[in-house]
Amino acid sequence: MQRVGEGETLKEVCKTRGWPYAVVAGWLHGDEQRLGRYDAALQMWVDSLAMETVAISDEQAEVVGKGGEVFDPNVARDALRIKTRQWAAEKLHRARYGQTLKVERGVALTADAGLLLTMGEILGRLGPQRSERVVEGSVADPI
């Protein structure tokens, strides 16, 4: 698991050891404790990927052109490197790096006593059968 934590894929580790990947993957997934250690190793690797994004953005690769202008020809490459690491971190360690969306829904109702009496009168005029349908419809179709 140390090699996975340092950034090697399980496939690469298996290949260098001469182990069949499918057998090792099945062995890992067959035991919760082994799978937990593998996940912990992946999370360590993801932490290092996330920290690399800062180093990549701080790299200075300035080049002086023929006219004396200074530019960095690898901005797009560096942006891709950062974006790829961010994507991997978000997918492999959602608890720490994933984007979460919290939706809260609350409804506050304020009712005036006079309004309630007026509603009662209107419903009374509609008749018992009609008023039941109106009340049921309002409950069944919340806003």
N, C-alpha and C. Protein backbone atom coordinates (compact mmCIF):
# COMPACT_ATOMS: atom_id res chain seq x y z
N MET A 1 0.81 -1.19 0.00
CA MET A 1 0.00 0.00 0.00
C MET A 1 0.87 1.26 0.00
N GLN A 2 2.10 1.13 0.42
CA GLN A 2 3.00 2.29 0.45
C GLN A 2 3.20 2.84 -0.96
N ARG A 3 3.39 1.98 -1.92
CA ARG A 3 3.62 2.44 -3.29
C ARG A 3 2.40 3.13 -3.86
N VAL A 4 1.21 2.65 -3.52
CA VAL A 4 -0.03 3.31 -3.97
C VAL A 4 -0.12 4.68 -3.32
N GLY A 5 0.22 4.77 -2.03
CA GLY A 5 0.20 6.05 -1.34
C GLY A 5 1.18 7.06 -1.91
N GLU A 6 2.22 6.55 -2.57
CA GLU A 6 3.21 7.42 -3.19
C GLU A 6 2.90 7.75 -4.64
N GLY A 7 1.78 7.24 -5.15
CA GLY A 7 1.33 7.65 -6.47
C GLY A 7 1.34 6.59 -7.55
N GLU A 8 1.79 5.38 -7.26
CA GLU A 8 1.74 4.32 -8.27
C GLU A 8 0.33 3.74 -8.29
N THR A 9 -0.11 3.36 -9.46
CA THR A 9 -1.42 2.71 -9.55
C THR A 9 -1.28 1.25 -9.13
N LEU A 10 -2.39 0.67 -8.75
CA LEU A 10 -2.38 -0.75 -8.38
C LEU A 10 -1.94 -1.60 -9.57
N LYS A 11 -2.32 -1.19 -10.76
CA LYS A 11 -1.91 -1.91 -11.98
C LYS A 11 -0.39 -1.90 -12.15
N GLU A 12 0.21 -0.74 -11.92
CA GLU A 12 1.67 -0.62 -12.04
C GLU A 12 2.38 -1.48 -10.99
N VAL A 13 1.88 -1.48 -9.78
CA VAL A 13 2.49 -2.30 -8.72
C VAL A 13 2.40 -3.77 -9.09
N CYS A 14 1.24 -4.21 -9.56
CA CYS A 14 1.06 -5.61 -9.95
C CYS A 14 1.99 -5.99 -11.09
N LYS A 15 2.13 -5.10 -12.05
CA LYS A 15 2.97 -5.39 -13.21
C LYS A 15 4.43 -5.58 -12.80
N THR A 16 4.94 -4.70 -11.92
CA THR A 16 6.35 -4.83 -11.51
C THR A 16 6.58 -6.07 -10.67
N ARG A 17 5.56 -6.55 -9.99
CA ARG A 17 5.69 -7.75 -9.15
C ARG A 17 5.35 -9.04 -9.91
N GLY A 18 4.77 -8.88 -11.10
CA GLY A 18 4.38 -10.05 -11.87
C GLY A 18 3.08 -10.68 -11.38
N TRP A 19 2.25 -9.91 -10.71
CA TRP A 19 0.98 -10.41 -10.19
C TRP A 19 -0.14 -10.05 -11.17
N PRO A 20 -1.11 -10.93 -11.33
CA PRO A 20 -2.26 -10.58 -12.18
C PRO A 20 -3.14 -9.54 -11.47
N TYR A 21 -3.38 -8.45 -12.16
CA TYR A 21 -4.14 -7.34 -11.59
C TYR A 21 -5.52 -7.78 -11.10
N ALA A 22 -6.24 -8.53 -11.91
CA ALA A 22 -7.61 -8.94 -11.55
C ALA A 22 -7.62 -9.76 -10.27
N VAL A 23 -6.61 -10.61 -10.08
CA VAL A 23 -6.55 -11.43 -8.87
C VAL A 23 -6.30 -10.55 -7.64
N VAL A 24 -5.36 -9.61 -7.77
CA VAL A 24 -5.05 -8.72 -6.65
C VAL A 24 -6.25 -7.82 -6.33
N ALA A 25 -6.90 -7.28 -7.36
CA ALA A 25 -8.07 -6.43 -7.13
C ALA A 25 -9.18 -7.23 -6.44
N GLY A 26 -9.39 -8.45 -6.87
CA GLY A 26 -10.39 -9.31 -6.22
C GLY A 26 -10.01 -9.61 -4.77
N TRP A 27 -8.73 -9.83 -4.52
CA TRP A 27 -8.25 -10.08 -3.16
C TRP A 27 -8.50 -8.86 -2.28
N LEU A 28 -8.24 -7.66 -2.82
CA LEU A 28 -8.48 -6.43 -2.05
C LEU A 28 -9.95 -6.25 -1.72
N HIS A 29 -10.79 -6.44 -2.72
CA HIS A 29 -12.22 -6.20 -2.54
C HIS A 29 -12.91 -7.31 -1.76
N GLY A 30 -12.20 -8.41 -1.53
CA GLY A 30 -12.78 -9.52 -0.77
C GLY A 30 -12.68 -9.35 0.74
N ASP A 31 -11.97 -8.33 1.20
CA ASP A 31 -11.76 -8.14 2.63
C ASP A 31 -11.87 -6.66 2.96
N GLU A 32 -12.78 -6.33 3.86
CA GLU A 32 -13.03 -4.92 4.21
C GLU A 32 -11.79 -4.25 4.80
N GLN A 33 -11.02 -4.99 5.58
CA GLN A 33 -9.83 -4.40 6.21
C GLN A 33 -8.77 -4.06 5.16
N ARG A 34 -8.53 -4.97 4.23
CA ARG A 34 -7.56 -4.70 3.15
C ARG A 34 -8.05 -3.55 2.28
N LEU A 35 -9.33 -3.54 1.97
CA LEU A 35 -9.90 -2.47 1.15
C LEU A 35 -9.78 -1.13 1.87
N GLY A 36 -9.96 -1.14 3.18
CA GLY A 36 -9.80 0.08 3.96
C GLY A 36 -8.38 0.62 3.91
N ARG A 37 -7.40 -0.27 3.97
CA ARG A 37 -6.00 0.16 3.87
C ARG A 37 -5.69 0.69 2.47
N TYR A 38 -6.27 0.07 1.46
CA TYR A 38 -6.08 0.54 0.08
C TYR A 38 -6.70 1.93 -0.08
N ASP A 39 -7.90 2.11 0.44
CA ASP A 39 -8.55 3.43 0.38
C ASP A 39 -7.74 4.49 1.11
N ALA A 40 -7.17 4.12 2.26
CA ALA A 40 -6.34 5.07 3.01
C ALA A 40 -5.11 5.45 2.20
N ALA A 41 -4.51 4.49 1.50
CA ALA A 41 -3.35 4.77 0.65
C ALA A 41 -3.73 5.70 -0.49
N LEU A 42 -4.89 5.45 -1.10
CA LEU A 42 -5.36 6.33 -2.17
C LEU A 42 -5.58 7.75 -1.65
N GLN A 43 -6.13 7.87 -0.46
CA GLN A 43 -6.39 9.19 0.10
C GLN A 43 -5.08 9.94 0.39
N MET A 44 -4.05 9.20 0.81
CA MET A 44 -2.73 9.83 1.00
C MET A 44 -2.21 10.36 -0.33
N TRP A 45 -2.36 9.57 -1.38
CA TRP A 45 -1.92 9.99 -2.71
C TRP A 45 -2.69 11.22 -3.16
N VAL A 46 -4.00 11.21 -2.93
CA VAL A 46 -4.84 12.34 -3.32
C VAL A 46 -4.43 13.60 -2.58
N ASP A 47 -4.09 13.47 -1.30
CA ASP A 47 -3.62 14.63 -0.54
C ASP A 47 -2.37 15.23 -1.19
N SER A 48 -1.46 14.37 -1.62
CA SER A 48 -0.25 14.88 -2.27
C SER A 48 -0.57 15.53 -3.61
N LEU A 49 -1.54 14.98 -4.34
CA LEU A 49 -1.96 15.59 -5.61
C LEU A 49 -2.52 16.99 -5.37
N ALA A 50 -3.34 17.12 -4.33
CA ALA A 50 -3.93 18.42 -4.03
C ALA A 50 -2.85 19.44 -3.68
N MET A 51 -1.85 19.02 -2.95
CA MET A 51 -0.77 19.94 -2.59
C MET A 51 0.10 20.30 -3.81
N GLU A 52 0.19 19.39 -4.77
CA GLU A 52 0.96 19.66 -5.99
C GLU A 52 0.37 20.82 -6.79
N THR A 53 -0.93 21.02 -6.69
CA THR A 53 -1.56 22.09 -7.47
C THR A 53 -0.98 23.45 -7.12
N VAL A 54 -0.66 23.65 -5.85
CA VAL A 54 -0.06 24.92 -5.43
C VAL A 54 1.33 25.07 -6.02
N ALA A 55 2.12 24.00 -5.96
CA ALA A 55 3.47 24.05 -6.52
C ALA A 55 3.45 24.30 -8.02
N ILE A 56 2.52 23.68 -8.71
CA ILE A 56 2.43 23.87 -10.16
C ILE A 56 2.08 25.32 -10.48
N SER A 57 1.15 25.88 -9.72
CA SER A 57 0.75 27.26 -10.01
C SER A 57 1.85 28.26 -9.66
N ASP A 58 2.75 27.89 -8.77
CA ASP A 58 3.85 28.78 -8.38
C ASP A 58 5.09 28.64 -9.27
N GLU A 59 5.11 27.62 -10.14
CA GLU A 59 6.28 27.42 -11.01
C GLU A 59 6.49 28.63 -11.91
N GLN A 60 7.74 28.99 -12.07
CA GLN A 60 8.09 30.08 -12.98
C GLN A 60 8.83 29.49 -14.18
N ALA A 61 8.24 29.56 -15.32
CA ALA A 61 8.87 29.04 -16.54
C ALA A 61 8.87 30.15 -17.57
N GLU A 62 9.42 31.29 -17.19
CA GLU A 62 9.41 32.43 -18.09
C GLU A 62 10.43 32.26 -19.21
N VAL A 63 10.04 32.69 -20.37
CA VAL A 63 10.89 32.62 -21.55
C VAL A 63 10.93 34.02 -22.15
N VAL A 64 12.11 34.43 -22.55
CA VAL A 64 12.25 35.74 -23.19
C VAL A 64 12.21 35.53 -24.69
N GLY A 65 11.27 36.20 -25.34
CA GLY A 65 11.12 36.07 -26.78
C GLY A 65 12.11 36.93 -27.54
N LYS A 66 12.06 36.86 -28.87
CA LYS A 66 12.98 37.61 -29.74
C LYS A 66 12.87 39.11 -29.54
N GLY A 67 11.67 39.58 -29.29
CA GLY A 67 11.46 41.01 -29.12
C GLY A 67 11.69 41.47 -27.68
N GLY A 68 12.13 40.59 -26.82
CA GLY A 68 12.37 40.96 -25.43
C GLY A 68 11.17 40.75 -24.53
N GLU A 69 10.03 40.32 -25.10
CA GLU A 69 8.86 40.07 -24.27
C GLU A 69 9.06 38.80 -23.44
N VAL A 70 8.52 38.82 -22.24
CA VAL A 70 8.64 37.67 -21.34
C VAL A 70 7.28 36.98 -21.29
N PHE A 71 7.29 35.68 -21.48
CA PHE A 71 6.04 34.93 -21.44
C PHE A 71 6.30 33.53 -20.93
N ASP A 72 5.23 32.86 -20.54
CA ASP A 72 5.29 31.48 -20.08
C ASP A 72 4.57 30.62 -21.12
N PRO A 73 5.28 29.84 -21.89
CA PRO A 73 4.63 29.07 -22.96
C PRO A 73 3.82 27.87 -22.46
N ASN A 74 3.91 27.56 -21.18
CA ASN A 74 3.27 26.35 -20.67
C ASN A 74 2.06 26.61 -19.78
N VAL A 75 1.44 27.77 -19.92
CA VAL A 75 0.30 28.09 -19.07
C VAL A 75 -0.83 27.08 -19.27
N ALA A 76 -1.14 26.74 -20.49
CA ALA A 76 -2.23 25.79 -20.76
C ALA A 76 -1.89 24.41 -20.20
N ARG A 77 -0.65 24.00 -20.35
CA ARG A 77 -0.24 22.70 -19.81
C ARG A 77 -0.37 22.68 -18.29
N ASP A 78 0.09 23.75 -17.64
CA ASP A 78 0.02 23.82 -16.19
C ASP A 78 -1.43 23.87 -15.72
N ALA A 79 -2.27 24.58 -16.44
CA ALA A 79 -3.69 24.62 -16.09
C ALA A 79 -4.31 23.23 -16.19
N LEU A 80 -3.94 22.49 -17.22
CA LEU A 80 -4.44 21.13 -17.39
C LEU A 80 -3.94 20.23 -16.25
N ARG A 81 -2.67 20.37 -15.88
CA ARG A 81 -2.12 19.58 -14.78
C ARG A 81 -2.88 19.86 -13.48
N ILE A 82 -3.16 21.12 -13.22
CA ILE A 82 -3.87 21.49 -11.99
C ILE A 82 -5.30 20.95 -12.03
N LYS A 83 -5.96 21.15 -13.16
CA LYS A 83 -7.36 20.72 -13.30
C LYS A 83 -7.48 19.20 -13.16
N THR A 84 -6.54 18.45 -13.71
CA THR A 84 -6.56 17.00 -13.61
C THR A 84 -6.39 16.55 -12.17
N ARG A 85 -5.48 17.17 -11.45
CA ARG A 85 -5.28 16.83 -10.04
C ARG A 85 -6.50 17.18 -9.20
N GLN A 86 -7.10 18.31 -9.49
CA GLN A 86 -8.31 18.70 -8.76
C GLN A 86 -9.44 17.69 -9.02
N TRP A 87 -9.59 17.29 -10.27
CA TRP A 87 -10.63 16.31 -10.62
C TRP A 87 -10.41 15.01 -9.86
N ALA A 88 -9.16 14.51 -9.87
CA ALA A 88 -8.86 13.26 -9.18
C ALA A 88 -9.14 13.39 -7.69
N ALA A 89 -8.75 14.50 -7.10
CA ALA A 89 -8.99 14.71 -5.67
C ALA A 89 -10.48 14.73 -5.36
N GLU A 90 -11.25 15.43 -6.19
CA GLU A 90 -12.70 15.51 -5.96
C GLU A 90 -13.38 14.16 -6.07
N LYS A 91 -12.92 13.32 -7.00
CA LYS A 91 -13.57 12.03 -7.22
C LYS A 91 -13.10 10.97 -6.24
N LEU A 92 -11.81 10.97 -5.91
CA LEU A 92 -11.28 9.90 -5.06
C LEU A 92 -11.37 10.19 -3.57
N HIS A 93 -11.51 11.44 -3.20
CA HIS A 93 -11.60 11.79 -1.77
C HIS A 93 -12.67 12.86 -1.60
N ARG A 94 -13.91 12.46 -1.87
CA ARG A 94 -15.04 13.41 -1.87
C ARG A 94 -15.22 14.10 -0.52
N ALA A 95 -14.98 13.38 0.56
CA ALA A 95 -15.20 13.96 1.88
C ALA A 95 -14.34 15.20 2.10
N ARG A 96 -13.13 15.18 1.59
CA ARG A 96 -12.23 16.30 1.82
C ARG A 96 -12.23 17.31 0.68
N TYR A 97 -12.24 16.84 -0.57
CA TYR A 97 -12.07 17.74 -1.71
C TYR A 97 -13.28 17.86 -2.62
N GLY A 98 -14.29 17.05 -2.40
CA GLY A 98 -15.46 17.08 -3.27
C GLY A 98 -16.31 18.32 -3.04
N GLN A 99 -16.99 18.69 -4.07
CA GLN A 99 -17.90 19.83 -3.97
C GLN A 99 -19.24 19.31 -3.47
N THR A 100 -19.74 19.94 -2.43
CA THR A 100 -21.02 19.52 -1.89
C THR A 100 -22.02 20.65 -2.05
N LEU A 101 -23.23 20.26 -2.20
CA LEU A 101 -24.31 21.22 -2.33
C LEU A 101 -25.31 20.91 -1.23
N LYS A 102 -25.51 21.88 -0.37
CA LYS A 102 -26.45 21.70 0.72
C LYS A 102 -27.70 22.51 0.41
N VAL A 103 -28.79 21.82 0.35
CA VAL A 103 -30.06 22.47 0.03
C VAL A 103 -30.92 22.47 1.29
N GLU A 104 -31.32 23.64 1.67
CA GLU A 104 -32.21 23.76 2.83
C GLU A 104 -33.53 24.33 2.35
N ARG A 105 -34.57 23.78 2.91
CA ARG A 105 -35.88 24.25 2.51
C ARG A 105 -36.70 24.49 3.77
N GLY A 106 -37.16 25.66 3.90
CA GLY A 106 -37.97 25.99 5.06
C GLY A 106 -39.15 26.85 4.61
N VAL A 107 -40.26 26.64 5.25
CA VAL A 107 -41.46 27.40 4.92
C VAL A 107 -42.01 27.97 6.21
N ALA A 108 -42.23 29.24 6.22
CA ALA A 108 -42.84 29.89 7.39
C ALA A 108 -44.20 30.42 6.98
N LEU A 109 -45.19 30.06 7.72
CA LEU A 109 -46.55 30.51 7.43
C LEU A 109 -47.02 31.43 8.56
N THR A 110 -47.57 32.53 8.18
CA THR A 110 -48.17 33.44 9.15
C THR A 110 -49.64 33.58 8.78
N ALA A 111 -50.50 33.29 9.73
CA ALA A 111 -51.93 33.34 9.44
C ALA A 111 -52.60 34.36 10.34
N ASP A 112 -53.45 35.14 9.75
CA ASP A 112 -54.23 36.14 10.47
C ASP A 112 -55.55 35.49 10.88
N ALA A 113 -55.98 35.71 12.09
CA ALA A 113 -57.22 35.10 12.58
C ALA A 113 -58.41 35.49 11.70
N GLY A 114 -58.46 36.75 11.30
CA GLY A 114 -59.55 37.20 10.44
C GLY A 114 -59.53 36.49 9.10
N LEU A 115 -58.34 36.27 8.56
CA LEU A 115 -58.20 35.57 7.28
C LEU A 115 -58.69 34.13 7.41
N LEU A 116 -58.35 33.49 8.50
CA LEU A 116 -58.79 32.11 8.71
C LEU A 116 -60.32 32.02 8.81
N LEU A 117 -60.92 32.99 9.51
CA LEU A 117 -62.38 33.00 9.61
C LEU A 117 -63.03 33.20 8.24
N THR A 118 -62.46 34.10 7.45
CA THR A 118 -62.98 34.35 6.11
C THR A 118 -62.85 33.09 5.25
N MET A 119 -61.72 32.41 5.33
CA MET A 119 -61.54 31.17 4.57
C MET A 119 -62.57 30.13 4.99
N GLY A 120 -62.83 30.04 6.30
CA GLY A 120 -63.82 29.09 6.81
C GLY A 120 -65.20 29.38 6.26
N GLU A 121 -65.54 30.66 6.19
CA GLU A 121 -66.85 31.04 5.65
C GLU A 121 -66.96 30.68 4.17
N ILE A 122 -65.91 30.96 3.43
CA ILE A 122 -65.92 30.65 1.98
C ILE A 122 -66.06 29.15 1.77
N LEU A 123 -65.29 28.38 2.51
CA LEU A 123 -65.37 26.93 2.37
C LEU A 123 -66.75 26.42 2.79
N GLY A 124 -67.35 27.05 3.81
CA GLY A 124 -68.69 26.66 4.24
C GLY A 124 -69.73 26.90 3.17
N ARG A 125 -69.59 27.98 2.41
CA ARG A 125 -70.53 28.31 1.34
C ARG A 125 -70.41 27.34 0.17
N LEU A 126 -69.20 26.78 -0.02
CA LEU A 126 -69.00 25.84 -1.13
C LEU A 126 -69.69 24.51 -0.88
N GLY A 127 -70.01 24.22 0.35
CA GLY A 127 -70.66 22.96 0.68
C GLY A 127 -69.63 21.96 1.17
N PRO A 128 -70.09 20.97 1.91
CA PRO A 128 -69.15 20.02 2.53
C PRO A 128 -68.33 19.21 1.52
N GLN A 129 -68.95 18.74 0.44
CA GLN A 129 -68.21 17.94 -0.53
C GLN A 129 -67.17 18.77 -1.26
N ARG A 130 -67.55 19.93 -1.69
CA ARG A 130 -66.65 20.81 -2.45
C ARG A 130 -65.49 21.28 -1.56
N SER A 131 -65.77 21.65 -0.31
CA SER A 131 -64.72 22.15 0.56
C SER A 131 -63.69 21.07 0.87
N GLU A 132 -64.12 19.80 0.98
CA GLU A 132 -63.18 18.71 1.22
C GLU A 132 -62.21 18.58 0.05
N ARG A 133 -62.73 18.69 -1.17
CA ARG A 133 -61.86 18.60 -2.34
C ARG A 133 -60.86 19.74 -2.39
N VAL A 134 -61.29 20.94 -2.03
CA VAL A 134 -60.39 22.10 -2.03
C VAL A 134 -59.29 21.90 -1.01
N VAL A 135 -59.65 21.46 0.19
CA VAL A 135 -58.65 21.25 1.23
C VAL A 135 -57.70 20.13 0.84
N GLU A 136 -58.24 19.01 0.31
CA GLU A 136 -57.38 17.90 -0.10
C GLU A 136 -56.46 18.34 -1.24
N GLY A 137 -56.99 19.10 -2.17
CA GLY A 137 -56.17 19.55 -3.30
C GLY A 137 -55.04 20.44 -2.86
N SER A 138 -55.30 21.31 -1.89
CA SER A 138 -54.24 22.20 -1.44
C SER A 138 -53.15 21.45 -0.70
N VAL A 139 -53.51 20.38 0.00
CA VAL A 139 -52.52 19.58 0.72
C VAL A 139 -51.74 18.71 -0.25
N ALA A 140 -52.45 18.14 -1.24
CA ALA A 140 -51.82 17.22 -2.18
C ALA A 140 -50.92 17.95 -3.16
N ASP A 141 -51.12 19.23 -3.37
CA ASP A 141 -50.32 20.00 -4.32
C ASP A 141 -49.55 21.10 -3.61
N PRO A 142 -48.56 20.73 -2.78
CA PRO A 142 -47.81 21.79 -2.07
C PRO A 142 -46.96 22.62 -3.01
N ILE A 143 -46.69 23.81 -2.63
CA ILE A 143 -45.88 24.71 -3.46
C ILE A 143 -44.43 24.48 -3.16
